[in-house]
Protein backbone atom coordinates (compact mmCIF):
# COMPACT_ATOMS: atom_id res chain seq x y z
CA MET A 1 -9.44 -2.81 -5.29
CA SER A 2 -8.81 -6.55 -5.49
CA SER A 3 -5.40 -8.04 -6.19
CA ASP A 4 -6.66 -9.15 -9.62
CA GLU A 5 -7.73 -5.59 -10.41
CA ILE A 6 -4.36 -4.27 -9.24
CA LEU A 7 -2.50 -6.81 -11.40
CA LEU A 8 -4.60 -6.04 -14.47
CA LEU A 9 -4.30 -2.28 -14.00
CA ALA A 10 -0.54 -2.55 -13.52
CA PHE A 11 -0.28 -4.67 -16.68
CA GLU A 12 -2.34 -2.16 -18.67
CA ASN A 13 -0.17 0.69 -17.41
CA VAL A 14 3.12 -0.91 -18.52
CA ALA A 15 2.08 -3.02 -21.52
CA GLY A 16 3.46 -0.48 -23.99
CA HIS A 17 6.91 -0.77 -22.42
CA LEU A 18 7.24 -4.56 -22.40
CA ALA A 19 9.45 -6.45 -24.85
CA ASN A 20 7.76 -9.78 -24.08
CA LEU A 21 4.17 -8.60 -24.13
CA ASP A 22 2.58 -11.95 -25.00
CA SER A 23 4.55 -13.82 -22.33
CA ILE A 24 3.67 -11.31 -19.64
CA ARG A 25 0.02 -11.21 -20.76
CA SER A 26 -0.15 -15.01 -20.53
CA LEU A 27 1.39 -14.95 -17.07
CA VAL A 28 -1.03 -12.26 -15.89
CA GLN A 29 -3.96 -14.32 -17.18
CA LYS A 30 -2.67 -17.39 -15.31
CA LEU A 31 -2.35 -15.43 -12.06
CA THR A 32 -5.80 -13.83 -12.09
CA GLY A 33 -8.90 -15.49 -10.72
CA HIS A 34 -7.20 -17.54 -8.01
CA GLY A 35 -7.70 -15.21 -5.06
CA HIS A 36 -3.99 -14.59 -4.51
CA THR A 37 -3.03 -11.62 -2.39
CA THR A 38 -1.01 -8.87 -4.01
CA ASP A 39 2.02 -9.95 -1.99
CA LYS A 40 1.62 -13.52 -3.24
CA VAL A 41 1.34 -12.32 -6.85
CA ILE A 42 4.57 -10.35 -6.45
CA GLN A 43 6.25 -13.35 -4.85
CA MET A 44 5.18 -15.58 -7.76
CA LEU A 45 6.41 -13.05 -10.32
CA GLU A 46 9.74 -12.79 -8.51
CA GLY A 47 9.99 -16.58 -8.65
CA LYS A 48 9.54 -16.46 -12.42
CA MET A 49 12.45 -14.02 -12.64
CA GLU A 50 14.89 -16.67 -11.42
CA GLU A 51 14.41 -18.81 -14.52
CA ALA A 52 13.83 -16.04 -17.06
CA GLU A 53 16.15 -14.64 -19.69
CA VAL A 54 17.28 -11.05 -19.26
CA THR A 55 14.58 -9.17 -21.23
CA LEU A 56 11.78 -11.19 -19.62
CA ARG A 57 13.34 -10.57 -16.22
CA THR A 58 13.33 -6.84 -16.96
CA ASP A 59 9.67 -6.98 -18.01
CA LEU A 60 8.77 -8.83 -14.81
CA ARG A 61 10.62 -6.20 -12.77
CA ILE A 62 8.71 -3.43 -14.59
CA LEU A 63 5.39 -5.16 -13.82
CA ILE A 64 6.29 -5.76 -10.17
CA ASN A 65 7.31 -2.13 -9.73
CA GLU A 66 4.02 -1.00 -11.26
CA ILE A 67 2.02 -3.33 -8.99
CA ARG A 68 3.77 -1.72 -6.01
CA HIS A 69 3.08 1.74 -7.41
CA VAL A 70 -0.63 0.99 -7.95
CA THR A 71 -0.86 -0.54 -4.47
CA ARG A 72 0.68 2.55 -2.86
CA GLY A 73 -1.76 4.75 -4.79
CA LYS A 74 -4.65 2.68 -3.49
CA PHE A 75 -3.90 3.75 0.08
CA SER A 76 -3.15 7.42 -0.56
CA GLY A 77 -6.35 8.81 -1.56
């Protein structure tokens, strides 16, 4: 599974729980298609948390946690 597929799957899994759905969707779209590794995607999302207001920061944390969960599932099969 590519890092883009992991990111998109993680987003789909948590979309119903996000307060800032449009902002996170836009960010996910910006991050896909560039060949970033999963670790780089997480690093970039963590960087966004530094400048974000509290609910967006929470949404980013939810997405990052889901990316990690999906990634762990990828290796336990």
